[in-house]
Structure formats: C-alpha cells, structure tokens
Amino acid sequence: VESGGGLVQPGGSLKLSCTASGRTFSNTAMGWFRQVPGKERDFVVAIS
C-alpha cells in the first residue's frame, strides 16, 4: 500500500511510503517505478 502522493510545486519535495504485509519484509527486495498515461512503466530506484 503506497501513500504520500500529491500536488507539489517545481523544486518542492514529497515523501512516498509503501507498507508491506503478508511476508517477512526483511527478505524482500523493493523498487519504485513510475508511469505516465500512454507510456511504459519506468524504473525509478531500487533497494536490496
């Protein structure tokens, strides 16, 4: 479950959160992706 999105002015900041359930989280690699309508989903960042 993601949260933290919104509207921000250029130069501003946002902090997104993603909370996981159902498995041992420490044994999970995570990533963030983003997608604009009509385009493919793009990689943003990853953490092991």
PDB file of all heavy atoms in Angstrom:
ATOM      1  N   VAL A   1       0.852  -1.185   0.000  1.00  0.00           N
ATOM      2  CA  VAL A   1       0.000   0.000   0.000  1.00  0.00           C
ATOM      3  C   VAL A   1       0.887   1.233   0.000  1.00  0.00           C
ATOM      4  O   VAL A   1       1.660   1.454   0.941  1.00  0.00           O
ATOM      5  CB  VAL A   1      -0.943   0.017   1.216  1.00  0.00           C
ATOM      6  CG1 VAL A   1      -1.783   1.290   1.196  1.00  0.00           C
ATOM      7  CG2 VAL A   1      -1.830  -1.216   1.219  1.00  0.00           C
ATOM      8  N   GLU A   2       0.750   2.043  -1.060  1.00  0.00           N
ATOM      9  CA  GLU A   2       1.516   3.282  -1.165  1.00  0.00           C
ATOM     10  C   GLU A   2       0.718   4.444  -0.592  1.00  0.00           C
ATOM     11  O   GLU A   2      -0.512   4.438  -0.607  1.00  0.00           O
ATOM     12  CB  GLU A   2       1.869   3.613  -2.613  1.00  0.00           C
ATOM     13  CG  GLU A   2       2.700   2.587  -3.348  1.00  0.00           C
ATOM     14  CD  GLU A   2       1.889   1.814  -4.345  1.00  0.00           C
ATOM     15  OE1 GLU A   2       0.665   1.700  -4.120  1.00  0.00           O
ATOM     16  OE2 GLU A   2       2.452   1.324  -5.344  1.00  0.00           O
ATOM     17  N   SER A   3       1.444   5.451  -0.152  1.00  0.00           N
ATOM     18  CA  SER A   3       0.812   6.682   0.295  1.00  0.00           C
ATOM     19  C   SER A   3       1.817   7.818   0.152  1.00  0.00           C
ATOM     20  O   SER A   3       3.011   7.578  -0.038  1.00  0.00           O
ATOM     21  CB  SER A   3       0.333   6.567   1.740  1.00  0.00           C
ATOM     22  OG  SER A   3       1.424   6.320   2.601  1.00  0.00           O
ATOM     23  N   GLY A   4       1.316   9.053   0.254  1.00  0.00           N
ATOM     24  CA  GLY A   4       2.205  10.207   0.261  1.00  0.00           C
ATOM     25  C   GLY A   4       2.233  11.017  -1.017  1.00  0.00           C
ATOM     26  O   GLY A   4       2.898  12.057  -1.074  1.00  0.00           O
ATOM     27  N   GLY A   5       1.524  10.574  -2.035  1.00  0.00           N
ATOM     28  CA  GLY A   5       1.497  11.342  -3.269  1.00  0.00           C
ATOM     29  C   GLY A   5       0.694  12.629  -3.110  1.00  0.00           C
ATOM     30  O   GLY A   5       0.040  12.859  -2.094  1.00  0.00           O
ATOM     31  N   GLY A   6       0.768  13.471  -4.139  1.00  0.00           N
ATOM     32  CA  GLY A   6       0.026  14.717  -4.093  1.00  0.00           C
ATOM     33  C   GLY A   6       0.523  15.709  -5.123  1.00  0.00           C
ATOM     34  O   GLY A   6       1.283  15.359  -6.028  1.00  0.00           O
ATOM     35  N   LEU A   7       0.098  16.948  -4.939  1.00  0.00           N
ATOM     36  CA  LEU A   7       0.482  18.048  -5.821  1.00  0.00           C
ATOM     37  C   LEU A   7       1.566  18.872  -5.149  1.00  0.00           C
ATOM     38  O   LEU A   7       1.416  19.257  -3.975  1.00  0.00           O
ATOM     39  CB  LEU A   7      -0.738  18.919  -6.120  1.00  0.00           C
ATOM     40  CG  LEU A   7      -0.491  20.223  -6.890  1.00  0.00           C
ATOM     41  CD1 LEU A   7       0.026  19.932  -8.289  1.00  0.00           C
ATOM     42  CD2 LEU A   7      -1.772  21.049  -6.938  1.00  0.00           C
ATOM     43  N   VAL A   8       2.635  19.138  -5.865  1.00  0.00           N
ATOM     44  CA  VAL A   8       3.736  19.926  -5.322  1.00  0.00           C
ATOM     45  C   VAL A   8       4.273  20.840  -6.414  1.00  0.00           C
ATOM     46  O   VAL A   8       4.211  20.510  -7.604  1.00  0.00           O
ATOM     47  CB  VAL A   8       4.850  18.997  -4.779  1.00  0.00           C
ATOM     48  CG1 VAL A   8       5.460  18.157  -5.886  1.00  0.00           C
ATOM     49  CG2 VAL A   8       5.903  19.775  -4.012  1.00  0.00           C
ATOM     50  N   GLN A   9       4.791  21.975  -6.009  1.00  0.00           N
ATOM     51  CA  GLN A   9       5.358  22.918  -6.973  1.00  0.00           C
ATOM     52  C   GLN A   9       6.755  22.464  -7.405  1.00  0.00           C
ATOM     53  O   GLN A   9       7.447  21.752  -6.657  1.00  0.00           O
ATOM     54  CB  GLN A   9       5.437  24.306  -6.362  1.00  0.00           C
ATOM     55  CG  GLN A   9       4.088  24.955  -6.118  1.00  0.00           C
ATOM     56  CD  GLN A   9       4.218  26.392  -5.649  1.00  0.00           C
ATOM     57  OE1 GLN A   9       5.263  26.831  -5.205  1.00  0.00           O
ATOM     58  NE2 GLN A   9       3.126  27.140  -5.763  1.00  0.00           N
ATOM     59  N   PRO A  10       7.176  22.861  -8.581  1.00  0.00           N
ATOM     60  CA  PRO A  10       8.550  22.544  -9.008  1.00  0.00           C
ATOM     61  C   PRO A  10       9.560  23.021  -7.967  1.00  0.00           C
ATOM     62  O   PRO A  10       9.439  24.115  -7.415  1.00  0.00           O
ATOM     63  CB  PRO A  10       8.692  23.327 -10.314  1.00  0.00           C
ATOM     64  CG  PRO A  10       7.296  23.411 -10.847  1.00  0.00           C
ATOM     65  CD  PRO A  10       6.419  23.559  -9.635  1.00  0.00           C
ATOM     66  N   GLY A  11      10.533  22.163  -7.706  1.00  0.00           N
ATOM     67  CA  GLY A  11      11.520  22.442  -6.675  1.00  0.00           C
ATOM     68  C   GLY A  11      11.136  21.951  -5.304  1.00  0.00           C
ATOM     69  O   GLY A  11      11.965  21.952  -4.384  1.00  0.00           O
ATOM     70  N   GLY A  12       9.904  21.503  -5.154  1.00  0.00           N
ATOM     71  CA  GLY A  12       9.426  21.025  -3.869  1.00  0.00           C
ATOM     72  C   GLY A  12       9.796  19.584  -3.592  1.00  0.00           C
ATOM     73  O   GLY A  12      10.517  18.935  -4.372  1.00  0.00           O
ATOM     74  N   SER A  13       9.280  19.081  -2.463  1.00  0.00           N
ATOM     75  CA  SER A  13       9.599  17.724  -2.009  1.00  0.00           C
ATOM     76  C   SER A  13       8.339  16.956  -1.646  1.00  0.00           C
ATOM     77  O   SER A  13       7.326  17.546  -1.259  1.00  0.00           O
ATOM     78  CB  SER A  13      10.512  17.779  -0.781  1.00  0.00           C
ATOM     79  OG  SER A  13      11.735  18.419  -1.068  1.00  0.00           O
ATOM     80  N   LEU A  14       8.439  15.649  -1.786  1.00  0.00           N
ATOM     81  CA  LEU A  14       7.406  14.729  -1.323  1.00  0.00           C
ATOM     82  C   LEU A  14       8.095  13.484  -0.799  1.00  0.00           C
ATOM     83  O   LEU A  14       9.175  13.114  -1.281  1.00  0.00           O
ATOM     84  CB  LEU A  14       6.460  14.332  -2.459  1.00  0.00           C
ATOM     85  CG  LEU A  14       5.304  15.252  -2.840  1.00  0.00           C
ATOM     86  CD1 LEU A  14       4.564  14.667  -4.024  1.00  0.00           C
ATOM     87  CD2 LEU A  14       4.370  15.469  -1.671  1.00  0.00           C
ATOM     88  N   LYS A  15       7.443  12.822   0.143  1.00  0.00           N
ATOM     89  CA  LYS A  15       7.953  11.539   0.634  1.00  0.00           C
ATOM     90  C   LYS A  15       6.864  10.502   0.491  1.00  0.00           C
ATOM     91  O   LYS A  15       5.799  10.620   1.090  1.00  0.00           O
ATOM     92  CB  LYS A  15       8.385  11.645   2.094  1.00  0.00           C
ATOM     93  CG  LYS A  15       9.070  10.386   2.608  1.00  0.00           C
ATOM     94  CD  LYS A  15       9.627  10.599   4.006  1.00  0.00           C
ATOM     95  CE  LYS A  15      10.404   9.387   4.504  1.00  0.00           C
ATOM     96  NZ  LYS A  15      11.011   9.625   5.839  1.00  0.00           N
ATOM     97  N   LEU A  16       7.141   9.500  -0.328  1.00  0.00           N
ATOM     98  CA  LEU A  16       6.219   8.398  -0.515  1.00  0.00           C
ATOM     99  C   LEU A  16       6.552   7.269   0.443  1.00  0.00           C
ATOM    100  O   LEU A  16       7.720   7.046   0.772  1.00  0.00           O
ATOM    101  CB  LEU A  16       6.287   7.879  -1.958  1.00  0.00           C
ATOM    102  CG  LEU A  16       6.100   8.895  -3.078  1.00  0.00           C
ATOM    103  CD1 LEU A  16       6.122   8.181  -4.427  1.00  0.00           C
ATOM    104  CD2 LEU A  16       4.832   9.681  -2.895  1.00  0.00           C
ATOM    105  N   SER A  17       5.515   6.556   0.861  1.00  0.00           N
ATOM    106  CA  SER A  17       5.682   5.385   1.716  1.00  0.00           C
ATOM    107  C   SER A  17       5.021   4.188   1.053  1.00  0.00           C
ATOM    108  O   SER A  17       4.025   4.336   0.337  1.00  0.00           O
ATOM    109  CB  SER A  17       5.063   5.610   3.083  1.00  0.00           C
ATOM    110  OG  SER A  17       5.645   6.719   3.744  1.00  0.00           O
ATOM    111  N   CYS A  18       5.561   3.037   1.307  1.00  0.00           N
ATOM    112  CA  CYS A  18       4.976   1.785   0.821  1.00  0.00           C
ATOM    113  C   CYS A  18       5.088   0.769   1.952  1.00  0.00           C
ATOM    114  O   CYS A  18       6.197   0.372   2.321  1.00  0.00           O
ATOM    115  CB  CYS A  18       5.707   1.310  -0.415  1.00  0.00           C
ATOM    116  SG  CYS A  18       5.193  -0.331  -1.001  1.00  0.00           S
ATOM    117  N   THR A  19       3.948   0.365   2.469  1.00  0.00           N
ATOM    118  CA  THR A  19       3.912  -0.578   3.585  1.00  0.00           C
ATOM    119  C   THR A  19       3.501  -1.950   3.085  1.00  0.00           C
ATOM    120  O   THR A  19       2.516  -2.080   2.349  1.00  0.00           O
ATOM    121  CB  THR A  19       2.955  -0.093   4.674  1.00  0.00           C
ATOM    122  OG1 THR A  19       3.405   1.186   5.142  1.00  0.00           O
ATOM    123  CG2 THR A  19       2.942  -1.063   5.843  1.00  0.00           C
ATOM    124  N   ALA A  20       4.268  -2.945   3.479  1.00  0.00           N
ATOM    125  CA  ALA A  20       4.044  -4.310   3.025  1.00  0.00           C
ATOM    126  C   ALA A  20       3.463  -5.174   4.135  1.00  0.00           C
ATOM    127  O   ALA A  20       3.732  -4.964   5.316  1.00  0.00           O
ATOM    128  CB  ALA A  20       5.352  -4.918   2.542  1.00  0.00           C
ATOM    129  N   SER A  21       2.705  -6.175   3.738  1.00  0.00           N
ATOM    130  CA  SER A  21       2.184  -7.147   4.685  1.00  0.00           C
ATOM    131  C   SER A  21       2.137  -8.500   4.006  1.00  0.00           C
ATOM    132  O   SER A  21       2.128  -8.599   2.778  1.00  0.00           O
ATOM    133  CB  SER A  21       0.784  -6.759   5.172  1.00  0.00           C
ATOM    134  OG  SER A  21      -0.122  -6.689   4.087  1.00  0.00           O
ATOM    135  N   GLY A  22       2.140  -9.552   4.800  1.00  0.00           N
ATOM    136  CA  GLY A  22       1.954 -10.880   4.265  1.00  0.00           C
ATOM    137  C   GLY A  22       3.206 -11.712   4.134  1.00  0.00           C
ATOM    138  O   GLY A  22       3.127 -12.877   3.791  1.00  0.00           O
ATOM    139  N   ARG A  23       4.372 -11.147   4.378  1.00  0.00           N
ATOM    140  CA  ARG A  23       5.616 -11.896   4.252  1.00  0.00           C
ATOM    141  C   ARG A  23       6.685 -11.202   5.064  1.00  0.00           C
ATOM    142  O   ARG A  23       6.559 -10.034   5.414  1.00  0.00           O
ATOM    143  CB  ARG A  23       6.059 -11.964   2.780  1.00  0.00           C
ATOM    144  CG  ARG A  23       7.166 -12.964   2.506  1.00  0.00           C
ATOM    145  CD  ARG A  23       7.611 -12.958   1.068  1.00  0.00           C
ATOM    146  NE  ARG A  23       8.538 -14.029   0.769  1.00  0.00           N
ATOM    147  CZ  ARG A  23       9.834 -13.980   0.995  1.00  0.00           C
ATOM    148  NH1 ARG A  23      10.366 -12.896   1.527  1.00  0.00           N
ATOM    149  NH2 ARG A  23      10.606 -15.007   0.674  1.00  0.00           N
ATOM    150  N   THR A  24       7.774 -11.937   5.364  1.00  0.00           N
ATOM    151  CA  THR A  24       8.897 -11.336   6.078  1.00  0.00           C
ATOM    152  C   THR A  24       9.501 -10.241   5.217  1.00  0.00           C
ATOM    153  O   THR A  24      10.149 -10.502   4.210  1.00  0.00           O
ATOM    154  CB  THR A  24       9.966 -12.383   6.411  1.00  0.00           C
ATOM    155  OG1 THR A  24       9.370 -13.416   7.199  1.00  0.00           O
ATOM    156  CG2 THR A  24      11.096 -11.746   7.198  1.00  0.00           C
ATOM    157  N   PHE A  25       9.304  -8.998   5.616  1.00  0.00           N
ATOM    158  CA  PHE A  25       9.707  -7.861   4.806  1.00  0.00           C
ATOM    159  C   PHE A  25      11.214  -7.799   4.637  1.00  0.00           C
ATOM    160  O   PHE A  25      11.717  -7.373   3.592  1.00  0.00           O
ATOM    161  CB  PHE A  25       9.182  -6.579   5.452  1.00  0.00           C
ATOM    162  CG  PHE A  25       9.488  -5.333   4.677  1.00  0.00           C
ATOM    163  CD1 PHE A  25       8.853  -5.077   3.476  1.00  0.00           C
ATOM    164  CD2 PHE A  25      10.418  -4.409   5.147  1.00  0.00           C
ATOM    165  CE1 PHE A  25       9.122  -3.931   2.749  1.00  0.00           C
ATOM    166  CE2 PHE A  25      10.701  -3.255   4.430  1.00  0.00           C
ATOM    167  CZ  PHE A  25      10.044  -3.014   3.223  1.00  0.00           C
ATOM    168  N   SER A  26      11.955  -8.216   5.644  1.00  0.00           N
ATOM    169  CA  SER A  26      13.409  -8.112   5.575  1.00  0.00           C
ATOM    170  C   SER A  26      14.003  -8.982   4.476  1.00  0.00           C
ATOM    171  O   SER A  26      15.125  -8.741   4.025  1.00  0.00           O
ATOM    172  CB  SER A  26      14.036  -8.473   6.919  1.00  0.00           C
ATOM    173  OG  SER A  26      13.682  -9.788   7.287  1.00  0.00           O
ATOM    174  N   ASN A  27      13.267  -9.991   4.022  1.00  0.00           N
ATOM    175  CA  ASN A  27      13.720 -10.854   2.927  1.00  0.00           C
ATOM    176  C   ASN A  27      13.042 -10.481   1.618  1.00  0.00           C
ATOM    177  O   ASN A  27      12.618 -11.335   0.840  1.00  0.00           O
ATOM    178  CB  ASN A  27      13.435 -12.321   3.252  1.00  0.00           C
ATOM    179  CG  ASN A  27      14.304 -12.843   4.369  1.00  0.00           C
ATOM    180  OD1 ASN A  27      15.304 -12.233   4.727  1.00  0.00           O
ATOM    181  ND2 ASN A  27      13.922 -13.956   4.950  1.00  0.00           N
ATOM    182  N   THR A  28      12.914  -9.199   1.390  1.00  0.00           N
ATOM    183  CA  THR A  28      12.239  -8.700   0.195  1.00  0.00           C
ATOM    184  C   THR A  28      13.032  -7.554  -0.402  1.00  0.00           C
ATOM    185  O   THR A  28      13.361  -6.603   0.309  1.00  0.00           O
ATOM    186  CB  THR A  28      10.814  -8.225   0.535  1.00  0.00           C
ATOM    187  OG1 THR A  28      10.100  -9.268   1.179  1.00  0.00           O
ATOM    188  CG2 THR A  28      10.067  -7.822  -0.729  1.00  0.00           C
ATOM    189  N   ALA A  29      13.347  -7.647  -1.695  1.00  0.00           N
ATOM    190  CA  ALA A  29      13.921  -6.516  -2.412  1.00  0.00           C
ATOM    191  C   ALA A  29      12.776  -5.639  -2.892  1.00  0.00           C
ATOM    192  O   ALA A  29      11.718  -6.138  -3.291  1.00  0.00           O
ATOM    193  CB  ALA A  29      14.749  -7.001  -3.593  1.00  0.00           C
ATOM    194  N   MET A  30      13.005  -4.340  -2.858  1.00  0.00           N
ATOM    195  CA  MET A  30      11.937  -3.398  -3.188  1.00  0.00           C
ATOM    196  C   MET A  30      12.372  -2.449  -4.298  1.00  0.00           C
ATOM    197  O   MET A  30      13.568  -2.182  -4.490  1.00  0.00           O
ATOM    198  CB  MET A  30      11.568  -2.579  -1.951  1.00  0.00           C
ATOM    199  CG  MET A  30      11.118  -3.385  -0.750  1.00  0.00           C
ATOM    200  SD  MET A  30       9.572  -4.276  -1.042  1.00  0.00           S
ATOM    201  CE  MET A  30       8.431  -2.900  -1.248  1.00  0.00           C
ATOM    202  N   GLY A  31      11.380  -1.941  -4.998  1.00  0.00           N
ATOM    203  CA  GLY A  31      11.668  -0.965  -6.036  1.00  0.00           C
ATOM    204  C   GLY A  31      10.531   0.016  -6.184  1.00  0.00           C
ATOM    205  O   GLY A  31       9.402  -0.259  -5.754  1.00  0.00           O
ATOM    206  N   TRP A  32      10.845   1.158  -6.756  1.00  0.00           N
ATOM    207  CA  TRP A  32       9.835   2.146  -7.136  1.00  0.00           C
ATOM    208  C   TRP A  32       9.892   2.328  -8.651  1.00  0.00           C
ATOM    209  O   TRP A  32      10.978   2.421  -9.236  1.00  0.00           O
ATOM    210  CB  TRP A  32      10.088   3.485  -6.457  1.00  0.00           C
ATOM    211  CG  TRP A  32       9.750   3.529  -4.995  1.00  0.00           C
ATOM    212  CD1 TRP A  32      10.596   3.328  -3.937  1.00  0.00           C
ATOM    213  CD2 TRP A  32       8.466   3.800  -4.416  1.00  0.00           C
ATOM    214  NE1 TRP A  32       9.923   3.459  -2.760  1.00  0.00           N
ATOM    215  CE2 TRP A  32       8.602   3.761  -3.019  1.00  0.00           C
ATOM    216  CE3 TRP A  32       7.196   4.098  -4.946  1.00  0.00           C
ATOM    217  CZ2 TRP A  32       7.540   3.979  -2.141  1.00  0.00           C
ATOM    218  CZ3 TRP A  32       6.147   4.313  -4.075  1.00  0.00           C
ATOM    219  CH2 TRP A  32       6.322   4.262  -2.696  1.00  0.00           C
ATOM    220  N   PHE A  33       8.700   2.390  -9.235  1.00  0.00           N
ATOM    221  CA  PHE A  33       8.549   2.650 -10.662  1.00  0.00           C
ATOM    222  C   PHE A  33       7.542   3.783 -10.831  1.00  0.00           C
ATOM    223  O   PHE A  33       6.816   4.122  -9.896  1.00  0.00           O
ATOM    224  CB  PHE A  33       8.050   1.384 -11.375  1.00  0.00           C
ATOM    225  CG  PHE A  33       9.059   0.270 -11.419  1.00  0.00           C
ATOM    226  CD1 PHE A  33       9.317  -0.499 -10.293  1.00  0.00           C
ATOM    227  CD2 PHE A  33       9.757  -0.007 -12.580  1.00  0.00           C
ATOM    228  CE1 PHE A  33      10.249  -1.530 -10.317  1.00  0.00           C
ATOM    229  CE2 PHE A  33      10.692  -1.034 -12.626  1.00  0.00           C
ATOM    230  CZ  PHE A  33      10.938  -1.781 -11.487  1.00  0.00           C
ATOM    231  N   ARG A  34       7.495   4.336 -12.020  1.00  0.00           N
ATOM    232  CA  ARG A  34       6.503   5.370 -12.291  1.00  0.00           C
ATOM    233  C   ARG A  34       5.998   5.238 -13.720  1.00  0.00           C
ATOM    234  O   ARG A  34       6.702   4.722 -14.596  1.00  0.00           O
ATOM    235  CB  ARG A  34       7.071   6.762 -12.040  1.00  0.00           C
ATOM    236  CG  ARG A  34       8.237   7.158 -12.933  1.00  0.00           C
ATOM    237  CD  ARG A  34       8.831   8.485 -12.450  1.00  0.00           C
ATOM    238  NE  ARG A  34       9.980   8.912 -13.248  1.00  0.00           N
ATOM    239  CZ  ARG A  34      10.745   9.953 -12.953  1.00  0.00           C
ATOM    240  NH1 ARG A  34      10.502  10.683 -11.854  1.00  0.00           N
ATOM    241  NH2 ARG A  34      11.759  10.276 -13.735  1.00  0.00           N
ATOM    242  N   GLN A  35       4.776   5.724 -13.915  1.00  0.00           N
ATOM    243  CA  GLN A  35       4.151   5.586 -15.215  1.00  0.00           C
ATOM    244  C   GLN A  35       3.303   6.801 -15.537  1.00  0.00           C
ATOM    245  O   GLN A  35       2.510   7.258 -14.701  1.00  0.00           O
ATOM    246  CB  GLN A  35       3.289   4.328 -15.273  1.00  0.00           C
ATOM    247  CG  GLN A  35       2.757   3.995 -16.650  1.00  0.00           C
ATOM    248  CD  GLN A  35       2.102   2.632 -16.696  1.00  0.00           C
ATOM    249  OE1 GLN A  35       1.600   2.126 -15.695  1.00  0.00           O
ATOM    250  NE2 GLN A  35       2.104   2.010 -17.876  1.00  0.00           N
ATOM    251  N   VAL A  36       3.481   7.288 -16.748  1.00  0.00           N
ATOM    252  CA  VAL A  36       2.675   8.363 -17.292  1.00  0.00           C
ATOM    253  C   VAL A  36       1.667   7.742 -18.247  1.00  0.00           C
ATOM    254  O   VAL A  36       2.016   6.799 -18.980  1.00  0.00           O
ATOM    255  CB  VAL A  36       3.572   9.388 -18.025  1.00  0.00           C
ATOM    256  CG1 VAL A  36       2.717  10.446 -18.708  1.00  0.00           C
ATOM    257  CG2 VAL A  36       4.555  10.018 -17.063  1.00  0.00           C
ATOM    258  N   PRO A  37       0.424   8.223 -18.276  1.00  0.00           N
ATOM    259  CA  PRO A  37      -0.578   7.642 -19.185  1.00  0.00           C
ATOM    260  C   PRO A  37      -0.080   7.563 -20.618  1.00  0.00           C
ATOM    261  O   PRO A  37       0.493   8.517 -21.148  1.00  0.00           O
ATOM    262  CB  PRO A  37      -1.756   8.606 -19.056  1.00  0.00           C
ATOM    263  CG  PRO A  37      -1.627   9.158 -17.681  1.00  0.00           C
ATOM    264  CD  PRO A  37      -0.150   9.285 -17.445  1.00  0.00           C
ATOM    265  N   GLY A  38      -0.257   6.396 -21.213  1.00  0.00           N
ATOM    266  CA  GLY A  38       0.141   6.194 -22.588  1.00  0.00           C
ATOM    267  C   GLY A  38       1.583   5.799 -22.779  1.00  0.00           C
ATOM    268  O   GLY A  38       2.024   5.566 -23.915  1.00  0.00           O
ATOM    269  N   LYS A  39       2.336   5.701 -21.673  1.00  0.00           N
ATOM    270  CA  LYS A  39       3.749   5.323 -21.766  1.00  0.00           C
ATOM    271  C   LYS A  39       4.022   4.105 -20.905  1.00  0.00           C
ATOM    272  O   LYS A  39       3.229   3.722 -20.048  1.00  0.00           O
ATOM    273  CB  LYS A  39       4.644   6.486 -21.349  1.00  0.00           C
ATOM    274  CG  LYS A  39       4.559   7.688 -22.276  1.00  0.00           C
ATOM    275  CD  LYS A  39       5.607   8.718 -21.934  1.00  0.00           C
ATOM    276  CE  LYS A  39       5.585   9.873 -22.928  1.00  0.00           C
ATOM    277  NZ  LYS A  39       6.627  10.888 -22.630  1.00  0.00           N
ATOM    278  N   GLU A  40       5.186   3.504 -21.139  1.00  0.00           N
ATOM    279  CA  GLU A  40       5.571   2.336 -20.362  1.00  0.00           C
ATOM    280  C   GLU A  40       5.947   2.745 -18.934  1.00  0.00           C
ATOM    281  O   GLU A  40       6.294   3.888 -18.672  1.00  0.00           O
ATOM    282  CB  GLU A  40       6.755   1.632 -21.023  1.00  0.00           C
ATOM    283  CG  GLU A  40       6.447   1.044 -22.388  1.00  0.00           C
ATOM    284  CD  GLU A  40       7.618   0.278 -22.961  1.00  0.00           C
ATOM    285  OE1 GLU A  40       8.719   0.342 -22.395  1.00  0.00           O
ATOM    286  OE2 GLU A  40       7.430  -0.384 -23.991  1.00  0.00           O
ATOM    287  N   ARG A  41       5.886   1.748 -18.051  1.00  0.00           N
ATOM    288  CA  ARG A  41       6.289   1.994 -16.677  1.00  0.00           C
ATOM    289  C   ARG A  41       7.809   2.044 -16.603  1.00  0.00           C
ATOM    290  O   ARG A  41       8.499   1.156 -17.106  1.00  0.00           O
ATOM    291  CB  ARG A  41       5.737   0.881 -15.797  1.00  0.00           C
ATOM    292  CG  ARG A  41       5.869   1.108 -14.314  1.00  0.00           C
ATOM    293  CD  ARG A  41       4.790   0.396 -13.515  1.00  0.00           C
ATOM    294  NE  ARG A  41       4.598  -0.968 -13.889  1.00  0.00           N
ATOM    295  CZ  ARG A  41       3.625  -1.745 -13.387  1.00  0.00           C
ATOM    296  NH1 ARG A  41       2.783  -1.243 -12.504  1.00  0.00           N
ATOM    297  NH2 ARG A  41       3.506  -2.989 -13.780  1.00  0.00           N
ATOM    298  N   ASP A  42       8.325   3.077 -15.961  1.00  0.00           N
ATOM    299  CA  ASP A  42       9.763   3.304 -15.887  1.00  0.00           C
ATOM    300  C   ASP A  42      10.311   3.017 -14.504  1.00  0.00           C
ATOM    301  O   ASP A  42       9.679   3.320 -13.491  1.00  0.00           O
ATOM    302  CB  ASP A  42      10.100   4.763 -16.241  1.00  0.00           C
ATOM    303  CG  ASP A  42       9.862   5.072 -17.695  1.00  0.00           C
ATOM    304  OD1 ASP A  42       9.956   4.151 -18.541  1.00  0.00           O
ATOM    305  OD2 ASP A  42       9.581   6.256 -18.000  1.00  0.00           O
ATOM    306  N   PHE A  43      11.530   2.494 -14.459  1.00  0.00           N
ATOM    307  CA  PHE A  43      12.238   2.266 -13.208  1.00  0.00           C
ATOM    308  C   PHE A  43      12.640   3.595 -12.585  1.00  0.00           C
ATOM    309  O   PHE A  43      13.089   4.501 -13.275  1.00  0.00           O
ATOM    310  CB  PHE A  43      13.474   1.416 -13.481  1.00  0.00           C
ATOM    311  CG  PHE A  43      14.430   1.320 -12.327  1.00  0.00           C
ATOM    312  CD1 PHE A  43      14.147   0.481 -11.259  1.00  0.00           C
ATOM    313  CD2 PHE A  43      15.591   2.069 -12.305  1.00  0.00           C
ATOM    314  CE1 PHE A  43      15.030   0.389 -10.190  1.00  0.00           C
ATOM    315  CE2 PHE A  43      16.471   1.987 -11.241  1.00  0.00           C
ATOM    316  CZ  PHE A  43      16.188   1.143 -10.180  1.00  0.00           C
ATOM    317  N   VAL A  44      12.483   3.691 -11.258  1.00  0.00           N
ATOM    318  CA  VAL A  44      12.887   4.903 -10.545  1.00  0.00           C
ATOM    319  C   VAL A  44      14.084   4.636  -9.638  1.00  0.00           C
ATOM    320  O   VAL A  44      15.088   5.352  -9.707  1.00  0.00           O
ATOM    321  CB  VAL A  44      11.716   5.465  -9.716  1.00  0.00           C
ATOM    322  CG1 VAL A  44      12.172   6.699  -8.922  1.00  0.00           C
ATOM    323  CG2 VAL A  44      10.539   5.823 -10.622  1.00  0.00           C
ATOM    324  N   VAL A  45      13.965   3.640  -8.780  1.00  0.00           N
ATOM    325  CA  VAL A  45      15.023   3.368  -7.808  1.00  0.00           C
ATOM    326  C   VAL A  45      14.780   2.001  -7.197  1.00  0.00           C
ATOM    327  O   VAL A  45      13.648   1.521  -7.185  1.00  0.00           O
ATOM    328  CB  VAL A  45      15.044   4.465  -6.707  1.00  0.00           C
ATOM    329  CG1 VAL A  45      13.771   4.458  -5.908  1.00  0.00           C
ATOM    330  CG2 VAL A  45      16.253   4.366  -5.821  1.00  0.00           C
ATOM    331  N   ALA A  46      15.846   1.368  -6.695  1.00  0.00           N
ATOM    332  CA  ALA A  46      15.712   0.052  -6.094  1.00  0.00           C
ATOM    333  C   ALA A  46      16.545  -0.056  -4.825  1.00  0.00           C
ATOM    334  O   ALA A  46      17.564   0.641  -4.673  1.00  0.00           O
ATOM    335  CB  ALA A  46      16.142  -1.029  -7.079  1.00  0.00           C
ATOM    336  N   ILE A  47      16.107  -0.955  -3.927  1.00  0.00           N
ATOM    337  CA  ILE A  47      16.861  -1.228  -2.703  1.00  0.00           C
ATOM    338  C   ILE A  47      16.833  -2.730  -2.461  1.00  0.00           C
ATOM    339  O   ILE A  47      15.786  -3.372  -2.607  1.00  0.00           O
ATOM    340  CB  ILE A  47      16.292  -0.442  -1.505  1.00  0.00           C
ATOM    341  CG1 ILE A  47      17.195  -0.597  -0.278  1.00  0.00           C
ATOM    342  CG2 ILE A  47      14.857  -0.832  -1.192  1.00  0.00           C
ATOM    343  CD1 ILE A  47      16.873   0.414   0.833  1.00  0.00           C
ATOM    344  N   SER A  48      17.982  -3.285  -2.108  1.00  0.00           N
ATOM    345  CA  SER A  48      18.055  -4.721  -1.841  1.00  0.00           C
ATOM    346  C   SER A  48      17.572  -5.015  -0.425  1.00  0.00           C
ATOM    347  O   SER A  48      17.331  -4.105   0.368  1.00  0.00           O
ATOM    348  CB  SER A  48      19.492  -5.193  -2.001  1.00  0.00           C
ATOM    349  OG  SER A  48      20.285  -4.742  -0.910  1.00  0.00           O
TER     350      SER A  48
END
